[in-house]
């Protein structure tokens, strides 16, 4: 289960939102080793749900955290 990249994705976002950029950078490095083509655009395209509340929470918390940590838009 240690190669399950979404765990690292959420860690990157959580650490960045918390302001712990050192841990966010470590998690980002692991994420990019597991999923080198990850981008904000690709994550938006996955669309796990069409629920507006889910999409808003995803933008506000997860995707914003990934942006803070330097995950590329495309």
Protein backbone atom coordinates (compact mmCIF):
# COMPACT_ATOMS: atom_id res chain seq x y z
CA UNK A 1 0.00 0.00 0.00
CA UNK A 2 3.01 2.32 0.29
CA UNK A 3 2.94 2.92 -3.48
CA UNK A 4 -0.58 4.33 -3.38
CA UNK A 5 0.11 7.85 -4.65
CA UNK A 6 -3.13 9.54 -3.48
CA UNK A 7 -1.86 9.23 0.11
CA UNK A 8 1.15 11.34 -0.80
CA UNK A 9 -1.04 13.77 -2.72
CA UNK A 10 -3.16 14.47 0.35
CA UNK A 11 -0.06 14.75 2.53
CA UNK A 12 1.41 17.36 0.19
CA UNK A 13 -1.80 19.39 0.31
CA UNK A 14 -2.25 19.05 4.07
CA UNK A 15 1.31 20.00 4.96
CA UNK A 16 1.25 22.98 2.58
CA UNK A 17 -2.09 24.21 3.94
CA UNK A 18 -0.69 23.89 7.46
CA UNK A 19 2.37 25.89 6.44
CA UNK A 20 4.89 23.09 6.96
CA UNK A 21 6.64 23.50 3.63
CA UNK A 22 9.57 21.25 4.54
CA UNK A 23 7.26 18.26 5.06
CA UNK A 24 5.21 19.28 2.01
CA UNK A 25 8.38 19.22 -0.09
CA UNK A 26 9.30 15.75 1.18
CA UNK A 27 5.82 14.43 0.42
CA UNK A 28 5.88 16.14 -3.00
CA UNK A 29 9.16 14.40 -3.82
CA UNK A 30 7.63 11.02 -2.93
CA UNK A 31 4.47 11.85 -4.88
CA UNK A 32 6.40 12.78 -8.01
CA UNK A 33 8.41 9.55 -7.82
CA UNK A 34 5.16 7.56 -7.70
CA UNK A 35 3.16 9.73 -10.12
CA UNK A 36 5.50 11.89 -12.20
CA UNK A 37 2.73 13.27 -14.44
CA UNK A 38 0.57 14.65 -11.64
CA UNK A 39 -0.81 18.14 -12.26
CA UNK A 40 -3.70 20.27 -11.05
CA UNK A 41 -5.32 19.99 -14.49
CA UNK A 42 -5.15 16.17 -14.45
CA UNK A 43 -6.59 16.03 -10.94
CA UNK A 44 -9.50 18.28 -11.92
CA UNK A 45 -10.18 16.01 -14.89
CA UNK A 46 -10.55 12.93 -12.67
CA UNK A 47 -13.79 14.38 -11.21
CA UNK A 48 -14.52 11.82 -8.53
CA UNK A 49 -17.81 13.60 -7.88
CA UNK A 50 -20.00 16.23 -9.53
CA UNK A 51 -21.35 17.36 -6.18
CA UNK A 52 -20.80 21.14 -5.98
CA UNK A 53 -19.90 20.97 -2.27
CA UNK A 54 -17.28 18.31 -2.94
CA UNK A 55 -15.81 20.28 -5.84
CA UNK A 56 -15.61 23.45 -3.73
CA UNK A 57 -13.92 21.64 -0.85
CA UNK A 58 -11.48 20.01 -3.25
CA UNK A 59 -10.54 23.39 -4.77
CA UNK A 60 -10.32 25.15 -1.40
CA UNK A 61 -8.36 22.56 0.52
CA UNK A 62 -6.66 19.98 -1.68
CA UNK A 63 -5.90 21.77 -4.94
CA UNK A 64 -5.00 25.04 -3.21
CA UNK A 65 -2.57 23.14 -0.98
CA UNK A 66 -1.02 21.42 -3.97
CA UNK A 67 -0.57 24.80 -5.67
CA UNK A 68 1.12 26.18 -2.54
CA UNK A 69 3.51 23.22 -2.61
CA UNK A 70 4.40 23.86 -6.24
CA UNK A 71 2.49 21.17 -8.09
CA UNK A 72 2.23 22.40 -11.66
CA UNK A 73 -1.06 23.51 -13.21
CA UNK A 74 -0.44 21.48 -16.39
